[in-house]
């Protein structure tokens, strides 16, 4: 959608690779690439309330929490809140 100028950042990393800085390094590279080489003005990411590490990663690379959607994700038999994070292109 040309009018949106918004993109979603998503990632998954196997447990054996956690706490090594891999995801944050990859996220920084992707963010730089997207903002430098496209007309995207806003990136967003969605994280379920049980994933504190992912929320910390997003904050570390500059995202800000925008909203919390109550009971928006159903995973493993229970509901979780969905946290919406965003990062705006710096001009």
PDB file of N, CA and C in Angstrom:
ATOM      1  N   UNK A   1       0.836  -1.188   0.000  1.00  0.00           N
ATOM      2  CA  UNK A   1       0.000   0.000   0.000  1.00  0.00           C
ATOM      3  C   UNK A   1       0.874   1.243   0.000  1.00  0.00           C
ATOM      4  N   UNK A   2       0.833   1.967  -1.074  1.00  0.00           N
ATOM      5  CA  UNK A   2       1.671   3.153  -1.190  1.00  0.00           C
ATOM      6  C   UNK A   2       1.343   4.204  -0.144  1.00  0.00           C
ATOM      7  N   UNK A   3       0.090   4.301   0.213  1.00  0.00           N
ATOM      8  CA  UNK A   3      -0.328   5.352   1.138  1.00  0.00           C
ATOM      9  C   UNK A   3       0.072   5.059   2.578  1.00  0.00           C
ATOM     10  N   UNK A   4       0.390   3.842   2.894  1.00  0.00           N
ATOM     11  CA  UNK A   4       0.661   3.474   4.288  1.00  0.00           C
ATOM     12  C   UNK A   4       2.026   3.956   4.757  1.00  0.00           C
ATOM     13  N   UNK A   5       3.057   3.716   3.959  1.00  0.00           N
ATOM     14  CA  UNK A   5       4.430   4.055   4.327  1.00  0.00           C
ATOM     15  C   UNK A   5       4.791   3.551   5.719  1.00  0.00           C
ATOM     16  N   UNK A   6       4.277   2.382   6.026  1.00  0.00           N
ATOM     17  CA  UNK A   6       4.488   1.745   7.322  1.00  0.00           C
ATOM     18  C   UNK A   6       4.850   0.290   7.076  1.00  0.00           C
ATOM     19  N   UNK A   7       5.723  -0.243   7.903  1.00  0.00           N
ATOM     20  CA  UNK A   7       6.110  -1.638   7.766  1.00  0.00           C
ATOM     21  C   UNK A   7       6.193  -2.303   9.123  1.00  0.00           C
ATOM     22  N   UNK A   8       6.081  -3.616   9.115  1.00  0.00           N
ATOM     23  CA  UNK A   8       6.126  -4.377  10.365  1.00  0.00           C
ATOM     24  C   UNK A   8       7.461  -5.100  10.488  1.00  0.00           C
ATOM     25  N   UNK A   9       8.068  -4.998  11.661  1.00  0.00           N
ATOM     26  CA  UNK A   9       9.295  -5.723  11.970  1.00  0.00           C
ATOM     27  C   UNK A   9       8.923  -6.961  12.770  1.00  0.00           C
ATOM     28  N   UNK A  10       9.372  -8.104  12.312  1.00  0.00           N
ATOM     29  CA  UNK A  10       9.142  -9.348  13.032  1.00  0.00           C
ATOM     30  C   UNK A  10      10.412 -10.167  13.040  1.00  0.00           C
ATOM     31  N   UNK A  11      10.581 -11.007  14.048  1.00  0.00           N
ATOM     32  CA  UNK A  11      11.796 -11.810  14.158  1.00  0.00           C
ATOM     33  C   UNK A  11      11.527 -13.014  15.038  1.00  0.00           C
ATOM     34  N   UNK A  12      12.366 -14.010  14.887  1.00  0.00           N
ATOM     35  CA  UNK A  12      12.345 -15.200  15.737  1.00  0.00           C
ATOM     36  C   UNK A  12      13.773 -15.707  15.801  1.00  0.00           C
ATOM     37  N   UNK A  13      14.198 -16.099  16.982  1.00  0.00           N
ATOM     38  CA  UNK A  13      15.559 -16.589  17.170  1.00  0.00           C
ATOM     39  C   UNK A  13      15.514 -17.809  18.070  1.00  0.00           C
ATOM     40  N   UNK A  14      16.178 -18.875  17.676  1.00  0.00           N
ATOM     41  CA  UNK A  14      16.217 -20.092  18.476  1.00  0.00           C
ATOM     42  C   UNK A  14      16.865 -19.852  19.831  1.00  0.00           C
ATOM     43  N   UNK A  15      16.395 -20.559  20.845  1.00  0.00           N
ATOM     44  CA  UNK A  15      16.850 -20.363  22.229  1.00  0.00           C
ATOM     45  C   UNK A  15      18.367 -20.462  22.375  1.00  0.00           C
ATOM     46  N   UNK A  16      19.005 -21.283  21.596  1.00  0.00           N
ATOM     47  CA  UNK A  16      20.455 -21.430  21.691  1.00  0.00           C
ATOM     48  C   UNK A  16      21.230 -20.188  21.283  1.00  0.00           C
ATOM     49  N   UNK A  17      20.544 -19.228  20.682  1.00  0.00           N
ATOM     50  CA  UNK A  17      21.193 -18.008  20.207  1.00  0.00           C
ATOM     51  C   UNK A  17      20.777 -16.766  20.998  1.00  0.00           C
ATOM     52  N   UNK A  18      19.965 -16.943  22.037  1.00  0.00           N
ATOM     53  CA  UNK A  18      19.528 -15.815  22.856  1.00  0.00           C
ATOM     54  C   UNK A  18      20.712 -15.227  23.624  1.00  0.00           C
ATOM     55  N   UNK A  19      20.556 -13.969  24.019  1.00  0.00           N
ATOM     56  CA  UNK A  19      21.516 -13.260  24.877  1.00  0.00           C
ATOM     57  C   UNK A  19      22.908 -13.134  24.257  1.00  0.00           C
ATOM     58  N   UNK A  20      22.972 -13.083  22.939  1.00  0.00           N
ATOM     59  CA  UNK A  20      24.257 -12.914  22.260  1.00  0.00           C
ATOM     60  C   UNK A  20      24.306 -11.635  21.424  1.00  0.00           C
ATOM     61  N   UNK A  21      23.231 -10.858  21.444  1.00  0.00           N
ATOM     62  CA  UNK A  21      23.180  -9.621  20.679  1.00  0.00           C
ATOM     63  C   UNK A  21      22.843  -9.804  19.208  1.00  0.00           C
ATOM     64  N   UNK A  22      22.520 -11.021  18.816  1.00  0.00           N
ATOM     65  CA  UNK A  22      22.244 -11.312  17.406  1.00  0.00           C
ATOM     66  C   UNK A  22      20.980 -10.603  16.931  1.00  0.00           C
ATOM     67  N   UNK A  23      19.909 -10.728  17.686  1.00  0.00           N
ATOM     68  CA  UNK A  23      18.628 -10.138  17.271  1.00  0.00           C
ATOM     69  C   UNK A  23      18.698  -8.616  17.234  1.00  0.00           C
ATOM     70  N   UNK A  24      19.333  -8.008  18.228  1.00  0.00           N
ATOM     71  CA  UNK A  24      19.413  -6.546  18.221  1.00  0.00           C
ATOM     72  C   UNK A  24      20.305  -6.053  17.080  1.00  0.00           C
ATOM     73  N   UNK A  25      21.392  -6.756  16.790  1.00  0.00           N
ATOM     74  CA  UNK A  25      22.249  -6.368  15.664  1.00  0.00           C
ATOM     75  C   UNK A  25      21.489  -6.494  14.346  1.00  0.00           C
ATOM     76  N   UNK A  26      20.762  -7.587  14.185  1.00  0.00           N
ATOM     77  CA  UNK A  26      19.977  -7.787  12.963  1.00  0.00           C
ATOM     78  C   UNK A  26      18.888  -6.728  12.839  1.00  0.00           C
ATOM     79  N   UNK A  27      18.213  -6.427  13.943  1.00  0.00           N
ATOM     80  CA  UNK A  27      17.151  -5.417  13.916  1.00  0.00           C
ATOM     81  C   UNK A  27      17.712  -4.061  13.514  1.00  0.00           C
ATOM     82  N   UNK A  28      18.861  -3.696  14.067  1.00  0.00           N
ATOM     83  CA  UNK A  28      19.474  -2.409  13.709  1.00  0.00           C
ATOM     84  C   UNK A  28      19.798  -2.343  12.213  1.00  0.00           C
ATOM     85  N   UNK A  29      20.328  -3.434  11.678  1.00  0.00           N
ATOM     86  CA  UNK A  29      20.647  -3.466  10.245  1.00  0.00           C
ATOM     87  C   UNK A  29      19.392  -3.320   9.389  1.00  0.00           C
ATOM     88  N   UNK A  30      18.347  -4.027   9.767  1.00  0.00           N
ATOM     89  CA  UNK A  30      17.091  -3.958   9.015  1.00  0.00           C
ATOM     90  C   UNK A  30      16.497  -2.558   9.090  1.00  0.00           C
ATOM     91  N   UNK A  31      16.476  -1.982  10.283  1.00  0.00           N
ATOM     92  CA  UNK A  31      15.928  -0.635  10.473  1.00  0.00           C
ATOM     93  C   UNK A  31      16.676   0.364   9.592  1.00  0.00           C
ATOM     94  N   UNK A  32      17.994   0.311   9.633  1.00  0.00           N
ATOM     95  CA  UNK A  32      18.809   1.217   8.818  1.00  0.00           C
ATOM     96  C   UNK A  32      18.502   1.040   7.337  1.00  0.00           C
ATOM     97  N   UNK A  33      18.478  -0.197   6.887  1.00  0.00           N
ATOM     98  CA  UNK A  33      18.204  -0.492   5.473  1.00  0.00           C
ATOM     99  C   UNK A  33      16.833   0.040   5.052  1.00  0.00           C
ATOM    100  N   UNK A  34      15.828  -0.234   5.855  1.00  0.00           N
ATOM    101  CA  UNK A  34      14.461   0.183   5.519  1.00  0.00           C
ATOM    102  C   UNK A  34      14.352   1.700   5.449  1.00  0.00           C
ATOM    103  N   UNK A  35      14.861   2.396   6.455  1.00  0.00           N
ATOM    104  CA  UNK A  35      14.712   3.845   6.483  1.00  0.00           C
ATOM    105  C   UNK A  35      15.589   4.548   5.444  1.00  0.00           C
ATOM    106  N   UNK A  36      16.737   3.976   5.102  1.00  0.00           N
ATOM    107  CA  UNK A  36      17.611   4.609   4.112  1.00  0.00           C
ATOM    108  C   UNK A  36      17.193   4.322   2.676  1.00  0.00           C
ATOM    109  N   UNK A  37      16.629   3.142   2.432  1.00  0.00           N
ATOM    110  CA  UNK A  37      16.413   2.713   1.051  1.00  0.00           C
ATOM    111  C   UNK A  37      14.953   2.549   0.644  1.00  0.00           C
ATOM    112  N   UNK A  38      14.040   3.094   1.431  1.00  0.00           N
ATOM    113  CA  UNK A  38      12.625   3.006   1.062  1.00  0.00           C
ATOM    114  C   UNK A  38      11.913   4.271   1.514  1.00  0.00           C
ATOM    115  N   UNK A  39      10.646   4.363   1.164  1.00  0.00           N
ATOM    116  CA  UNK A  39       9.851   5.512   1.601  1.00  0.00           C
ATOM    117  C   UNK A  39       9.077   5.208   2.885  1.00  0.00           C
ATOM    118  N   UNK A  40       9.420   4.117   3.548  1.00  0.00           N
ATOM    119  CA  UNK A  40       8.788   3.770   4.830  1.00  0.00           C
ATOM    120  C   UNK A  40       9.119   4.853   5.852  1.00  0.00           C
ATOM    121  N   UNK A  41       8.104   5.336   6.549  1.00  0.00           N
ATOM    122  CA  UNK A  41       8.266   6.367   7.573  1.00  0.00           C
ATOM    123  C   UNK A  41       8.081   5.828   8.987  1.00  0.00           C
ATOM    124  N   UNK A  42       7.459   4.653   9.091  1.00  0.00           N
ATOM    125  CA  UNK A  42       7.123   4.118  10.412  1.00  0.00           C
ATOM    126  C   UNK A  42       7.253   2.601  10.384  1.00  0.00           C
ATOM    127  N   UNK A  43       7.960   2.061  11.376  1.00  0.00           N
ATOM    128  CA  UNK A  43       8.003   0.619  11.587  1.00  0.00           C
ATOM    129  C   UNK A  43       7.237   0.308  12.862  1.00  0.00           C
ATOM    130  N   UNK A  44       6.579  -0.839  12.885  1.00  0.00           N
ATOM    131  CA  UNK A  44       5.901  -1.255  14.110  1.00  0.00           C
ATOM    132  C   UNK A  44       6.171  -2.727  14.360  1.00  0.00           C
ATOM    133  N   UNK A  45       5.986  -3.122  15.602  1.00  0.00           N
ATOM    134  CA  UNK A  45       6.156  -4.519  16.000  1.00  0.00           C
ATOM    135  C   UNK A  45       5.121  -4.829  17.069  1.00  0.00           C
ATOM    136  N   UNK A  46       4.666  -6.067  17.084  1.00  0.00           N
ATOM    137  CA  UNK A  46       3.665  -6.527  18.041  1.00  0.00           C
ATOM    138  C   UNK A  46       4.277  -7.637  18.884  1.00  0.00           C
ATOM    139  N   UNK A  47       4.120  -7.535  20.196  1.00  0.00           N
ATOM    140  CA  UNK A  47       4.704  -8.507  21.119  1.00  0.00           C
ATOM    141  C   UNK A  47       3.652  -8.921  22.139  1.00  0.00           C
ATOM    142  N   UNK A  48       3.561 -10.224  22.426  1.00  0.00           N
ATOM    143  CA  UNK A  48       2.600 -10.638  23.451  1.00  0.00           C
ATOM    144  C   UNK A  48       3.192 -10.399  24.833  1.00  0.00           C
ATOM    145  N   UNK A  49       2.329 -10.187  25.817  1.00  0.00           N
ATOM    146  CA  UNK A  49       2.747  -9.735  27.142  1.00  0.00           C
ATOM    147  C   UNK A  49       3.718 -10.672  27.837  1.00  0.00           C
ATOM    148  N   UNK A  50       3.786 -11.929  27.451  1.00  0.00           N
ATOM    149  CA  UNK A  50       4.710 -12.853  28.089  1.00  0.00           C
ATOM    150  C   UNK A  50       6.134 -12.764  27.589  1.00  0.00           C
ATOM    151  N   UNK A  51       6.393 -11.953  26.583  1.00  0.00           N
ATOM    152  CA  UNK A  51       7.714 -11.919  25.966  1.00  0.00           C
ATOM    153  C   UNK A  51       8.475 -10.644  26.342  1.00  0.00           C
ATOM    154  N   UNK A  52       8.924 -10.585  27.582  1.00  0.00           N
ATOM    155  CA  UNK A  52       9.638  -9.410  28.083  1.00  0.00           C
ATOM    156  C   UNK A  52      10.956  -9.178  27.345  1.00  0.00           C
ATOM    157  N   UNK A  53      11.628 -10.251  26.939  1.00  0.00           N
ATOM    158  CA  UNK A  53      12.907 -10.107  26.234  1.00  0.00           C
ATOM    159  C   UNK A  53      12.716  -9.390  24.899  1.00  0.00           C
ATOM    160  N   UNK A  54      11.650  -9.713  24.197  1.00  0.00           N
ATOM    161  CA  UNK A  54      11.388  -9.057  22.919  1.00  0.00           C
ATOM    162  C   UNK A  54      11.047  -7.583  23.121  1.00  0.00           C
ATOM    163  N   UNK A  55      10.301  -7.278  24.167  1.00  0.00           N
ATOM    164  CA  UNK A  55       9.991  -5.873  24.455  1.00  0.00           C
ATOM    165  C   UNK A  55      11.268  -5.109  24.781  1.00  0.00           C
ATOM    166  N   UNK A  56      12.163  -5.726  25.538  1.00  0.00           N
ATOM    167  CA  UNK A  56      13.438  -5.082  25.875  1.00  0.00           C
ATOM    168  C   UNK A  56      14.274  -4.847  24.619  1.00  0.00           C
ATOM    169  N   UNK A  57      14.276  -5.811  23.716  1.00  0.00           N
ATOM    170  CA  UNK A  57      15.016  -5.665  22.464  1.00  0.00           C
ATOM    171  C   UNK A  57      14.488  -4.475  21.668  1.00  0.00           C
ATOM    172  N   UNK A  58      13.175  -4.375  21.543  1.00  0.00           N
ATOM    173  CA  UNK A  58      12.595  -3.268  20.778  1.00  0.00           C
ATOM    174  C   UNK A  58      12.952  -1.922  21.395  1.00  0.00           C
ATOM    175  N   UNK A  59      12.876  -1.828  22.703  1.00  0.00           N
ATOM    176  CA  UNK A  59      13.255  -0.570  23.370  1.00  0.00           C
ATOM    177  C   UNK A  59      14.734  -0.267  23.124  1.00  0.00           C
ATOM    178  N   UNK A  60      15.565  -1.298  23.175  1.00  0.00           N
ATOM    179  CA  UNK A  60      17.011  -1.142  22.983  1.00  0.00           C
ATOM    180  C   UNK A  60      17.343  -0.558  21.614  1.00  0.00           C
ATOM    181  N   UNK A  61      16.583  -0.924  20.590  1.00  0.00           N
ATOM    182  CA  UNK A  61      16.864  -0.424  19.237  1.00  0.00           C
ATOM    183  C   UNK A  61      16.046   0.818  18.888  1.00  0.00           C
ATOM    184  N   UNK A  62      15.356   1.398  19.884  1.00  0.00           N
ATOM    185  CA  UNK A  62      14.719   2.696  19.683  1.00  0.00           C
ATOM    186  C   UNK A  62      13.217   2.732  19.558  1.00  0.00           C
ATOM    187  N   UNK A  63      12.563   1.582  19.625  1.00  0.00           N
ATOM    188  CA  UNK A  63      11.102   1.561  19.532  1.00  0.00           C
ATOM    189  C   UNK A  63      10.477   2.085  20.827  1.00  0.00           C
ATOM    190  N   UNK A  64       9.272   2.630  20.692  1.00  0.00           N
ATOM    191  CA  UNK A  64       8.491   3.126  21.818  1.00  0.00           C
ATOM    192  C   UNK A  64       7.180   2.363  21.878  1.00  0.00           C
ATOM    193  N   UNK A  65       6.763   2.008  23.086  1.00  0.00           N
ATOM    194  CA  UNK A  65       5.478   1.321  23.229  1.00  0.00           C
ATOM    195  C   UNK A  65       4.354   2.318  22.992  1.00  0.00           C
ATOM    196  N   UNK A  66       3.455   1.973  22.082  1.00  0.00           N
ATOM    197  CA  UNK A  66       2.360   2.854  21.690  1.00  0.00           C
ATOM    198  C   UNK A  66       1.032   2.475  22.311  1.00  0.00           C
ATOM    199  N   UNK A  67       0.792   1.186  22.437  1.00  0.00           N
ATOM    200  CA  UNK A  67      -0.533   0.742  22.887  1.00  0.00           C
ATOM    201  C   UNK A  67      -0.451  -0.674  23.436  1.00  0.00           C
ATOM    202  N   UNK A  68      -1.462  -1.007  24.218  1.00  0.00           N
ATOM    203  CA  UNK A  68      -1.635  -2.376  24.703  1.00  0.00           C
ATOM    204  C   UNK A  68      -3.058  -2.801  24.357  1.00  0.00           C
ATOM    205  N   UNK A  69      -3.180  -3.859  23.585  1.00  0.00           N
ATOM    206  CA  UNK A  69      -4.488  -4.409  23.227  1.00  0.00           C
ATOM    207  C   UNK A  69      -4.792  -5.552  24.184  1.00  0.00           C
ATOM    208  N   UNK A  70      -5.848  -5.400  24.940  1.00  0.00           N
ATOM    209  CA  UNK A  70      -6.194  -6.367  25.973  1.00  0.00           C
ATOM    210  C   UNK A  70      -6.658  -7.688  25.378  1.00  0.00           C
ATOM    211  N   UNK A  71      -6.129  -8.787  25.899  1.00  0.00           N
ATOM    212  CA  UNK A  71      -6.541 -10.153  25.533  1.00  0.00           C
ATOM    213  C   UNK A  71      -6.623 -10.341  24.014  1.00  0.00           C
ATOM    214  N   UNK A  72      -5.627  -9.839  23.313  1.00  0.00           N
ATOM    215  CA  UNK A  72      -5.650  -9.846  21.848  1.00  0.00           C
ATOM    216  C   UNK A  72      -4.993 -11.077  21.232  1.00  0.00           C
ATOM    217  N   UNK A  73      -4.218 -11.813  22.015  1.00  0.00           N
ATOM    218  CA  UNK A  73      -3.505 -12.984  21.499  1.00  0.00           C
ATOM    219  C   UNK A  73      -3.892 -14.204  22.322  1.00  0.00           C
ATOM    220  N   UNK A  74      -4.239 -15.280  21.638  1.00  0.00           N
ATOM    221  CA  UNK A  74      -4.556 -16.545  22.309  1.00  0.00           C
ATOM    222  C   UNK A  74      -3.439 -17.520  21.978  1.00  0.00           C
ATOM    223  N   UNK A  75      -2.677 -17.920  22.991  1.00  0.00           N
ATOM    224  CA  UNK A  75      -1.514 -18.778  22.785  1.00  0.00           C
ATOM    225  C   UNK A  75      -1.447 -19.822  23.887  1.00  0.00           C
ATOM    226  N   UNK A  76      -1.254 -21.067  23.486  1.00  0.00           N
ATOM    227  CA  UNK A  76      -1.122 -22.173  24.443  1.00  0.00           C
ATOM    228  C   UNK A  76      -2.261 -22.209  25.458  1.00  0.00           C
ATOM    229  N   UNK A  77      -3.471 -21.962  24.978  1.00  0.00           N
ATOM    230  CA  UNK A  77      -4.644 -22.094  25.822  1.00  0.00           C
ATOM    231  C   UNK A  77      -4.971 -20.914  26.712  1.00  0.00           C
ATOM    232  N   UNK A  78      -4.265 -19.800  26.556  1.00  0.00           N
ATOM    233  CA  UNK A  78      -4.612 -18.630  27.365  1.00  0.00           C
ATOM    234  C   UNK A  78      -4.453 -17.342  26.568  1.00  0.00           C
ATOM    235  N   UNK A  79      -5.128 -16.306  27.054  1.00  0.00           N
ATOM    236  CA  UNK A  79      -5.077 -15.001  26.406  1.00  0.00           C
ATOM    237  C   UNK A  79      -3.917 -14.176  26.954  1.00  0.00           C
ATOM    238  N   UNK A  80      -3.344 -13.375  26.068  1.00  0.00           N
ATOM    239  CA  UNK A  80      -2.285 -12.437  26.435  1.00  0.00           C
ATOM    240  C   UNK A  80      -2.628 -11.075  25.841  1.00  0.00           C
ATOM    241  N   UNK A  81      -2.114 -10.036  26.471  1.00  0.00           N
ATOM    242  CA  UNK A  81      -2.217  -8.705  25.894  1.00  0.00           C
ATOM    243  C   UNK A  81      -1.207  -8.593  24.757  1.00  0.00           C
ATOM    244  N   UNK A  82      -1.508  -7.749  23.803  1.00  0.00           N
ATOM    245  CA  UNK A  82      -0.611  -7.489  22.682  1.00  0.00           C
ATOM    246  C   UNK A  82      -0.056  -6.074  22.828  1.00  0.00           C
ATOM    247  N   UNK A  83       1.248  -5.960  22.879  1.00  0.00           N
ATOM    248  CA  UNK A  83       1.908  -4.665  23.022  1.00  0.00           C
ATOM    249  C   UNK A  83       2.368  -4.204  21.642  1.00  0.00           C
ATOM    250  N   UNK A  84       1.987  -2.995  21.281  1.00  0.00           N
ATOM    251  CA  UNK A  84       2.324  -2.431  19.979  1.00  0.00           C
ATOM    252  C   UNK A  84       3.448  -1.412  20.172  1.00  0.00           C
ATOM    253  N   UNK A  85       4.540  -1.618  19.465  1.00  0.00           N
ATOM    254  CA  UNK A  85       5.697  -0.727  19.519  1.00  0.00           C
ATOM    255  C   UNK A  85       5.881  -0.079  18.153  1.00  0.00           C
ATOM    256  N   UNK A  86       6.438   1.125  18.129  1.00  0.00           N
ATOM    257  CA  UNK A  86       6.697   1.774  16.841  1.00  0.00           C
ATOM    258  C   UNK A  86       8.006   2.553  16.878  1.00  0.00           C
ATOM    259  N   UNK A  87       8.522   2.782  15.691  1.00  0.00           N
ATOM    260  CA  UNK A  87       9.728   3.579  15.500  1.00  0.00           C
ATOM    261  C   UNK A  87       9.507   4.437  14.264  1.00  0.00           C
ATOM    262  N   UNK A  88       9.689   5.744  14.414  1.00  0.00           N
ATOM    263  CA  UNK A  88       9.506   6.671  13.299  1.00  0.00           C
ATOM    264  C   UNK A  88      10.852   7.033  12.685  1.00  0.00           C
ATOM    265  N   UNK A  89      10.841   7.209  11.381  1.00  0.00           N
ATOM    266  CA  UNK A  89      12.045   7.623  10.667  1.00  0.00           C
ATOM    267  C   UNK A  89      12.462   9.003  11.160  1.00  0.00           C
ATOM    268  N   UNK A  90      13.733   9.157  11.444  1.00  0.00           N
ATOM    269  CA  UNK A  90      14.248  10.452  11.892  1.00  0.00           C
ATOM    270  C   UNK A  90      14.554  11.309  10.670  1.00  0.00           C
ATOM    271  N   UNK A  91      14.088  12.549  10.703  1.00  0.00           N
ATOM    272  CA  UNK A  91      14.324  13.439   9.555  1.00  0.00           C
ATOM    273  C   UNK A  91      15.374  14.471   9.867  1.00  0.00           C
TER     274      UNK A  91
END
